[in-house]
Amino acid sequence: MIDLYNNDTNQLLGSLTEADLRVLTNALEEESQEDQDYFIDAATIDLLADGRATDHLVQMLRAALGGADGVEIRWRRR
């Protein structure tokens, strides 16, 4: 299982599938191979929602963003 968190609050946002994780890691910039955190904003979510990401992932990211301009998220395997 892969859990997704708000990096600033450590709030669990939900669980990801391997396919969801691949979408994130392929689409978002990583600073290193060990990097597991990403900055997302509405434009990033719209980019992922073009058919690459599942509805589940898009909804989870939109919920994480809420009304903010952007948010740092991170993933971790259980």
PDB file of N, CA and C in Angstrom:
ATOM      1  N   MET A   1       0.835  -1.180   0.000  1.00  0.00           N
ATOM      2  CA  MET A   1       0.000   0.000   0.000  1.00  0.00           C
ATOM      3  C   MET A   1       0.880   1.244   0.000  1.00  0.00           C
ATOM      4  N   ILE A   2       0.394   2.290  -0.646  1.00  0.00           N
ATOM      5  CA  ILE A   2       1.115   3.554  -0.730  1.00  0.00           C
ATOM      6  C   ILE A   2       0.206   4.639  -0.175  1.00  0.00           C
ATOM      7  N   ASP A   3       0.680   5.368   0.819  1.00  0.00           N
ATOM      8  CA  ASP A   3      -0.108   6.430   1.439  1.00  0.00           C
ATOM      9  C   ASP A   3       0.384   7.785   0.956  1.00  0.00           C
ATOM     10  N   LEU A   4      -0.555   8.705   0.787  1.00  0.00           N
ATOM     11  CA  LEU A   4      -0.260  10.064   0.362  1.00  0.00           C
ATOM     12  C   LEU A   4      -0.574  11.008   1.513  1.00  0.00           C
ATOM     13  N   TYR A   5       0.363  11.919   1.798  1.00  0.00           N
ATOM     14  CA  TYR A   5       0.245  12.834   2.943  1.00  0.00           C
ATOM     15  C   TYR A   5       0.405  14.282   2.514  1.00  0.00           C
ATOM     16  N   ASN A   6      -0.210  15.182   3.276  1.00  0.00           N
ATOM     17  CA  ASN A   6       0.113  16.596   3.196  1.00  0.00           C
ATOM     18  C   ASN A   6       1.464  16.723   3.898  1.00  0.00           C
ATOM     19  N   ASN A   7       2.462  17.226   3.201  1.00  0.00           N
ATOM     20  CA  ASN A   7       3.821  17.254   3.738  1.00  0.00           C
ATOM     21  C   ASN A   7       3.961  18.227   4.904  1.00  0.00           C
ATOM     22  N   ASP A   8       3.159  19.270   4.925  1.00  0.00           N
ATOM     23  CA  ASP A   8       3.278  20.268   5.990  1.00  0.00           C
ATOM     24  C   ASP A   8       2.572  19.862   7.273  1.00  0.00           C
ATOM     25  N   THR A   9       1.414  19.187   7.147  1.00  0.00           N
ATOM     26  CA  THR A   9       0.614  18.846   8.321  1.00  0.00           C
ATOM     27  C   THR A   9       0.710  17.371   8.715  1.00  0.00           C
ATOM     28  N   ASN A  10       1.315  16.553   7.854  1.00  0.00           N
ATOM     29  CA  ASN A  10       1.384  15.100   8.041  1.00  0.00           C
ATOM     30  C   ASN A  10       0.016  14.434   8.005  1.00  0.00           C
ATOM     31  N   GLN A  11      -1.004  15.135   7.499  1.00  0.00           N
ATOM     32  CA  GLN A  11      -2.345  14.568   7.378  1.00  0.00           C
ATOM     33  C   GLN A  11      -2.355  13.522   6.265  1.00  0.00           C
ATOM     34  N   LEU A  12      -2.894  12.354   6.576  1.00  0.00           N
ATOM     35  CA  LEU A  12      -3.066  11.307   5.577  1.00  0.00           C
ATOM     36  C   LEU A  12      -4.165  11.737   4.627  1.00  0.00           C
ATOM     37  N   LEU A  13      -3.844  11.772   3.334  1.00  0.00           N
ATOM     38  CA  LEU A  13      -4.810  12.185   2.324  1.00  0.00           C
ATOM     39  C   LEU A  13      -5.546  10.997   1.728  1.00  0.00           C
ATOM     40  N   GLY A  14      -4.899   9.840   1.741  1.00  0.00           N
ATOM     41  CA  GLY A  14      -5.506   8.638   1.193  1.00  0.00           C
ATOM     42  C   GLY A  14      -4.449   7.680   0.704  1.00  0.00           C
ATOM     43  N   SER A  15      -4.909   6.622   0.059  1.00  0.00           N
ATOM     44  CA  SER A  15      -4.005   5.588  -0.448  1.00  0.00           C
ATOM     45  C   SER A  15      -3.960   5.614  -1.957  1.00  0.00           C
ATOM     46  N   LEU A  16      -2.802   5.260  -2.489  1.00  0.00           N
ATOM     47  CA  LEU A  16      -2.562   5.222  -3.926  1.00  0.00           C
ATOM     48  C   LEU A  16      -2.335   3.796  -4.391  1.00  0.00           C
ATOM     49  N   THR A  17      -2.645   3.562  -5.643  1.00  0.00           N
ATOM     50  CA  THR A  17      -2.255   2.311  -6.288  1.00  0.00           C
ATOM     51  C   THR A  17      -0.876   2.524  -6.909  1.00  0.00           C
ATOM     52  N   GLU A  18      -0.251   1.436  -7.317  1.00  0.00           N
ATOM     53  CA  GLU A  18       1.033   1.556  -8.024  1.00  0.00           C
ATOM     54  C   GLU A  18       0.867   2.395  -9.288  1.00  0.00           C
ATOM     55  N   ALA A  19      -0.261   2.219  -9.991  1.00  0.00           N
ATOM     56  CA  ALA A  19      -0.510   2.984 -11.216  1.00  0.00           C
ATOM     57  C   ALA A  19      -0.625   4.479 -10.912  1.00  0.00           C
ATOM     58  N   ASP A  20      -1.321   4.834  -9.810  1.00  0.00           N
ATOM     59  CA  ASP A  20      -1.428   6.239  -9.406  1.00  0.00           C
ATOM     60  C   ASP A  20      -0.051   6.818  -9.106  1.00  0.00           C
ATOM     61  N   LEU A  21       0.760   6.065  -8.402  1.00  0.00           N
ATOM     62  CA  LEU A  21       2.104   6.524  -8.064  1.00  0.00           C
ATOM     63  C   LEU A  21       2.927   6.752  -9.320  1.00  0.00           C
ATOM     64  N   ARG A  22       2.832   5.856 -10.296  1.00  0.00           N
ATOM     65  CA  ARG A  22       3.562   6.031 -11.560  1.00  0.00           C
ATOM     66  C   ARG A  22       3.145   7.313 -12.265  1.00  0.00           C
ATOM     67  N   VAL A  23       1.851   7.620 -12.235  1.00  0.00           N
ATOM     68  CA  VAL A  23       1.380   8.861 -12.845  1.00  0.00           C
ATOM     69  C   VAL A  23       2.044  10.056 -12.169  1.00  0.00           C
ATOM     70  N   LEU A  24       2.067  10.065 -10.840  1.00  0.00           N
ATOM     71  CA  LEU A  24       2.703  11.172 -10.114  1.00  0.00           C
ATOM     72  C   LEU A  24       4.187  11.275 -10.414  1.00  0.00           C
ATOM     73  N   THR A  25       4.885  10.164 -10.319  1.00  0.00           N
ATOM     74  CA  THR A  25       6.344  10.213 -10.489  1.00  0.00           C
ATOM     75  C   THR A  25       6.748  10.507 -11.925  1.00  0.00           C
ATOM     76  N   ASN A  26       5.934  10.108 -12.884  1.00  0.00           N
ATOM     77  CA  ASN A  26       6.251  10.386 -14.283  1.00  0.00           C
ATOM     78  C   ASN A  26       5.940  11.830 -14.668  1.00  0.00           C
ATOM     79  N   ALA A  27       4.925  12.411 -14.043  1.00  0.00           N
ATOM     80  CA  ALA A  27       4.474  13.743 -14.435  1.00  0.00           C
ATOM     81  C   ALA A  27       5.117  14.872 -13.635  1.00  0.00           C
ATOM     82  N   LEU A  28       5.558  14.587 -12.410  1.00  0.00           N
ATOM     83  CA  LEU A  28       6.040  15.648 -11.533  1.00  0.00           C
ATOM     84  C   LEU A  28       7.549  15.589 -11.377  1.00  0.00           C
ATOM     85  N   GLU A  29       8.115  16.754 -11.103  1.00  0.00           N
ATOM     86  CA  GLU A  29       9.566  16.886 -11.003  1.00  0.00           C
ATOM     87  C   GLU A  29      10.087  16.334  -9.682  1.00  0.00           C
ATOM     88  N   GLU A  30      11.117  15.504  -9.799  1.00  0.00           N
ATOM     89  CA  GLU A  30      11.793  14.963  -8.624  1.00  0.00           C
ATOM     90  C   GLU A  30      13.191  15.548  -8.568  1.00  0.00           C
ATOM     91  N   GLU A  31      13.620  15.915  -7.370  1.00  0.00           N
ATOM     92  CA  GLU A  31      14.944  16.488  -7.200  1.00  0.00           C
ATOM     93  C   GLU A  31      16.021  15.413  -7.144  1.00  0.00           C
ATOM     94  N   SER A  32      15.626  14.188  -6.789  1.00  0.00           N
ATOM     95  CA  SER A  32      16.549  13.057  -6.751  1.00  0.00           C
ATOM     96  C   SER A  32      15.742  11.782  -6.882  1.00  0.00           C
ATOM     97  N   GLN A  33      16.416  10.661  -7.035  1.00  0.00           N
ATOM     98  CA  GLN A  33      15.702   9.394  -7.152  1.00  0.00           C
ATOM     99  C   GLN A  33      15.029   8.994  -5.846  1.00  0.00           C
ATOM    100  N   GLU A  34      15.493   9.532  -4.728  1.00  0.00           N
ATOM    101  CA  GLU A  34      14.897   9.237  -3.434  1.00  0.00           C
ATOM    102  C   GLU A  34      13.779  10.209  -3.078  1.00  0.00           C
ATOM    103  N   ASP A  35      13.552  11.204  -3.924  1.00  0.00           N
ATOM    104  CA  ASP A  35      12.549  12.238  -3.666  1.00  0.00           C
ATOM    105  C   ASP A  35      11.159  11.627  -3.633  1.00  0.00           C
ATOM    106  N   GLN A  36      10.412  11.943  -2.597  1.00  0.00           N
ATOM    107  CA  GLN A  36       9.050  11.432  -2.454  1.00  0.00           C
ATOM    108  C   GLN A  36       8.058  12.541  -2.149  1.00  0.00           C
ATOM    109  N   ASP A  37       8.448  13.789  -2.384  1.00  0.00           N
ATOM    110  CA  ASP A  37       7.520  14.882  -2.150  1.00  0.00           C
ATOM    111  C   ASP A  37       7.430  15.765  -3.380  1.00  0.00           C
ATOM    112  N   TYR A  38       6.262  16.383  -3.532  1.00  0.00           N
ATOM    113  CA  TYR A  38       5.964  17.178  -4.713  1.00  0.00           C
ATOM    114  C   TYR A  38       5.125  18.383  -4.327  1.00  0.00           C
ATOM    115  N   PHE A  39       5.306  19.473  -5.067  1.00  0.00           N
ATOM    116  CA  PHE A  39       4.442  20.638  -4.933  1.00  0.00           C
ATOM    117  C   PHE A  39       3.378  20.524  -6.009  1.00  0.00           C
ATOM    118  N   ILE A  40       2.113  20.649  -5.603  1.00  0.00           N
ATOM    119  CA  ILE A  40       1.028  20.630  -6.576  1.00  0.00           C
ATOM    120  C   ILE A  40       0.189  21.894  -6.449  1.00  0.00           C
ATOM    121  N   ASP A  41      -0.363  22.313  -7.552  1.00  0.00           N
ATOM    122  CA  ASP A  41      -1.313  23.420  -7.577  1.00  0.00           C
ATOM    123  C   ASP A  41      -2.434  23.034  -8.540  1.00  0.00           C
ATOM    124  N   ALA A  42      -3.377  23.934  -8.745  1.00  0.00           N
ATOM    125  CA  ALA A  42      -4.529  23.618  -9.591  1.00  0.00           C
ATOM    126  C   ALA A  42      -4.098  23.265 -11.011  1.00  0.00           C
ATOM    127  N   ALA A  43      -3.101  23.958 -11.545  1.00  0.00           N
ATOM    128  CA  ALA A  43      -2.628  23.676 -12.903  1.00  0.00           C
ATOM    129  C   ALA A  43      -2.023  22.277 -12.994  1.00  0.00           C
ATOM    130  N   THR A  44      -1.311  21.863 -11.962  1.00  0.00           N
ATOM    131  CA  THR A  44      -0.724  20.521 -11.930  1.00  0.00           C
ATOM    132  C   THR A  44      -1.831  19.466 -11.943  1.00  0.00           C
ATOM    133  N   ILE A  45      -2.852  19.675 -11.137  1.00  0.00           N
ATOM    134  CA  ILE A  45      -3.955  18.719 -11.076  1.00  0.00           C
ATOM    135  C   ILE A  45      -4.680  18.662 -12.417  1.00  0.00           C
ATOM    136  N   ASP A  46      -4.895  19.815 -13.034  1.00  0.00           N
ATOM    137  CA  ASP A  46      -5.540  19.843 -14.349  1.00  0.00           C
ATOM    138  C   ASP A  46      -4.718  19.069 -15.369  1.00  0.00           C
ATOM    139  N   LEU A  47      -3.409  19.190 -15.302  1.00  0.00           N
ATOM    140  CA  LEU A  47      -2.521  18.456 -16.201  1.00  0.00           C
ATOM    141  C   LEU A  47      -2.682  16.948 -16.010  1.00  0.00           C
ATOM    142  N   LEU A  48      -2.725  16.515 -14.764  1.00  0.00           N
ATOM    143  CA  LEU A  48      -2.877  15.089 -14.471  1.00  0.00           C
ATOM    144  C   LEU A  48      -4.273  14.588 -14.839  1.00  0.00           C
ATOM    145  N   ALA A  49      -5.258  15.473 -14.775  1.00  0.00           N
ATOM    146  CA  ALA A  49      -6.643  15.086 -15.038  1.00  0.00           C
ATOM    147  C   ALA A  49      -6.949  14.973 -16.533  1.00  0.00           C
ATOM    148  N   ASP A  50      -5.935  15.091 -17.375  1.00  0.00           N
ATOM    149  CA  ASP A  50      -6.148  15.018 -18.825  1.00  0.00           C
ATOM    150  C   ASP A  50      -6.369  13.596 -19.319  1.00  0.00           C
ATOM    151  N   GLY A  51      -6.525  12.673 -18.395  1.00  0.00           N
ATOM    152  CA  GLY A  51      -6.751  11.282 -18.767  1.00  0.00           C
ATOM    153  C   GLY A  51      -5.685  10.347 -18.245  1.00  0.00           C
ATOM    154  N   ARG A  52      -4.575  10.903 -17.756  1.00  0.00           N
ATOM    155  CA  ARG A  52      -3.506  10.066 -17.208  1.00  0.00           C
ATOM    156  C   ARG A  52      -3.846   9.538 -15.821  1.00  0.00           C
ATOM    157  N   ALA A  53      -4.413  10.413 -14.997  1.00  0.00           N
ATOM    158  CA  ALA A  53      -4.686  10.053 -13.604  1.00  0.00           C
ATOM    159  C   ALA A  53      -6.102   9.496 -13.459  1.00  0.00           C
ATOM    160  N   THR A  54      -6.255   8.620 -12.489  1.00  0.00           N
ATOM    161  CA  THR A  54      -7.586   8.097 -12.179  1.00  0.00           C
ATOM    162  C   THR A  54      -8.418   9.193 -11.515  1.00  0.00           C
ATOM    163  N   ASP A  55      -9.729   9.034 -11.545  1.00  0.00           N
ATOM    164  CA  ASP A  55     -10.605   9.979 -10.853  1.00  0.00           C
ATOM    165  C   ASP A  55     -10.282  10.014  -9.366  1.00  0.00           C
ATOM    166  N   HIS A  56      -9.956   8.850  -8.800  1.00  0.00           N
ATOM    167  CA  HIS A  56      -9.606   8.753  -7.387  1.00  0.00           C
ATOM    168  C   HIS A  56      -8.411   9.655  -7.060  1.00  0.00           C
ATOM    169  N   LEU A  57      -7.360   9.578  -7.870  1.00  0.00           N
ATOM    170  CA  LEU A  57      -6.167  10.389  -7.624  1.00  0.00           C
ATOM    171  C   LEU A  57      -6.483  11.871  -7.789  1.00  0.00           C
ATOM    172  N   VAL A  58      -7.199  12.229  -8.835  1.00  0.00           N
ATOM    173  CA  VAL A  58      -7.532  13.635  -9.072  1.00  0.00           C
ATOM    174  C   VAL A  58      -8.357  14.191  -7.912  1.00  0.00           C
ATOM    175  N   GLN A  59      -9.341  13.447  -7.450  1.00  0.00           N
ATOM    176  CA  GLN A  59     -10.167  13.913  -6.331  1.00  0.00           C
ATOM    177  C   GLN A  59      -9.343  14.059  -5.057  1.00  0.00           C
ATOM    178  N   MET A  60      -8.429  13.122  -4.827  1.00  0.00           N
ATOM    179  CA  MET A  60      -7.577  13.192  -3.640  1.00  0.00           C
ATOM    180  C   MET A  60      -6.691  14.437  -3.689  1.00  0.00           C
ATOM    181  N   LEU A  61      -6.137  14.737  -4.856  1.00  0.00           N
ATOM    182  CA  LEU A  61      -5.271  15.904  -4.998  1.00  0.00           C
ATOM    183  C   LEU A  61      -6.074  17.197  -4.866  1.00  0.00           C
ATOM    184  N   ARG A  62      -7.263  17.233  -5.438  1.00  0.00           N
ATOM    185  CA  ARG A  62      -8.110  18.437  -5.305  1.00  0.00           C
ATOM    186  C   ARG A  62      -8.491  18.666  -3.842  1.00  0.00           C
ATOM    187  N   ALA A  63      -8.790  17.604  -3.116  1.00  0.00           N
ATOM    188  CA  ALA A  63      -9.111  17.726  -1.695  1.00  0.00           C
ATOM    189  C   ALA A  63      -7.901  18.221  -0.911  1.00  0.00           C
ATOM    190  N   ALA A  64      -6.725  17.729  -1.270  1.00  0.00           N
ATOM    191  CA  ALA A  64      -5.498  18.154  -0.585  1.00  0.00           C
ATOM    192  C   ALA A  64      -5.250  19.643  -0.814  1.00  0.00           C
ATOM    193  N   LEU A  65      -5.520  20.098  -2.017  1.00  0.00           N
ATOM    194  CA  LEU A  65      -5.299  21.509  -2.358  1.00  0.00           C
ATOM    195  C   LEU A  65      -6.302  22.408  -1.657  1.00  0.00           C
ATOM    196  N   GLY A  66      -7.558  21.969  -1.600  1.00  0.00           N
ATOM    197  CA  GLY A  66      -8.593  22.793  -0.971  1.00  0.00           C
ATOM    198  C   GLY A  66      -8.630  24.158  -1.619  1.00  0.00           C
ATOM    199  N   GLY A  67      -8.606  25.204  -0.832  1.00  0.00           N
ATOM    200  CA  GLY A  67      -8.627  26.566  -1.346  1.00  0.00           C
ATOM    201  C   GLY A  67      -7.257  27.205  -1.441  1.00  0.00           C
ATOM    202  N   ALA A  68      -6.212  26.429  -1.171  1.00  0.00           N
ATOM    203  CA  ALA A  68      -4.852  26.970  -1.189  1.00  0.00           C
ATOM    204  C   ALA A  68      -4.350  27.154  -2.627  1.00  0.00           C
ATOM    205  N   ASP A  69      -3.336  27.973  -2.773  1.00  0.00           N
ATOM    206  CA  ASP A  69      -2.705  28.160  -4.081  1.00  0.00           C
ATOM    207  C   ASP A  69      -1.878  26.945  -4.463  1.00  0.00           C
ATOM    208  N   GLY A  70      -1.312  26.274  -3.467  1.00  0.00           N
ATOM    209  CA  GLY A  70      -0.493  25.095  -3.708  1.00  0.00           C
ATOM    210  C   GLY A  70      -0.250  24.365  -2.405  1.00  0.00           C
ATOM    211  N   VAL A  71       0.191  23.115  -2.518  1.00  0.00           N
ATOM    212  CA  VAL A  71       0.441  22.303  -1.330  1.00  0.00           C
ATOM    213  C   VAL A  71       1.550  21.298  -1.634  1.00  0.00           C
ATOM    214  N   GLU A  72       2.367  21.012  -0.636  1.00  0.00           N
ATOM    215  CA  GLU A  72       3.388  19.976  -0.740  1.00  0.00           C
ATOM    216  C   GLU A  72       2.772  18.655  -0.298  1.00  0.00           C
ATOM    217  N   ILE A  73       2.923  17.634  -1.127  1.00  0.00           N
ATOM    218  CA  ILE A  73       2.465  16.302  -0.772  1.00  0.00           C
ATOM    219  C   ILE A  73       3.654  15.357  -0.787  1.00  0.00           C
ATOM    220  N   ARG A  74       3.510  14.224  -0.105  1.00  0.00           N
ATOM    221  CA  ARG A  74       4.550  13.188  -0.136  1.00  0.00           C
ATOM    222  C   ARG A  74       3.888  11.835  -0.067  1.00  0.00           C
ATOM    223  N   TRP A  75       4.582  10.829  -0.573  1.00  0.00           N
ATOM    224  CA  TRP A  75       4.068   9.475  -0.515  1.00  0.00           C
ATOM    225  C   TRP A  75       5.018   8.604   0.284  1.00  0.00           C
ATOM    226  N   ARG A  76       4.458   7.514   0.813  1.00  0.00           N
ATOM    227  CA  ARG A  76       5.256   6.561   1.589  1.00  0.00           C
ATOM    228  C   ARG A  76       4.618   5.185   1.477  1.00  0.00           C
ATOM    229  N   ARG A  77       5.451   4.199   1.260  1.00  0.00           N
ATOM    230  CA  ARG A  77       4.959   2.814   1.241  1.00  0.00           C
ATOM    231  C   ARG A  77       4.780   2.323   2.668  1.00  0.00           C
ATOM    232  N   ARG A  78       3.735   1.542   2.873  1.00  0.00           N
ATOM    233  CA  ARG A  78       3.502   0.933   4.181  1.00  0.00           C
ATOM    234  C   ARG A  78       4.321  -0.339   4.294  1.00  0.00           C
TER     235      ARG A  78
END
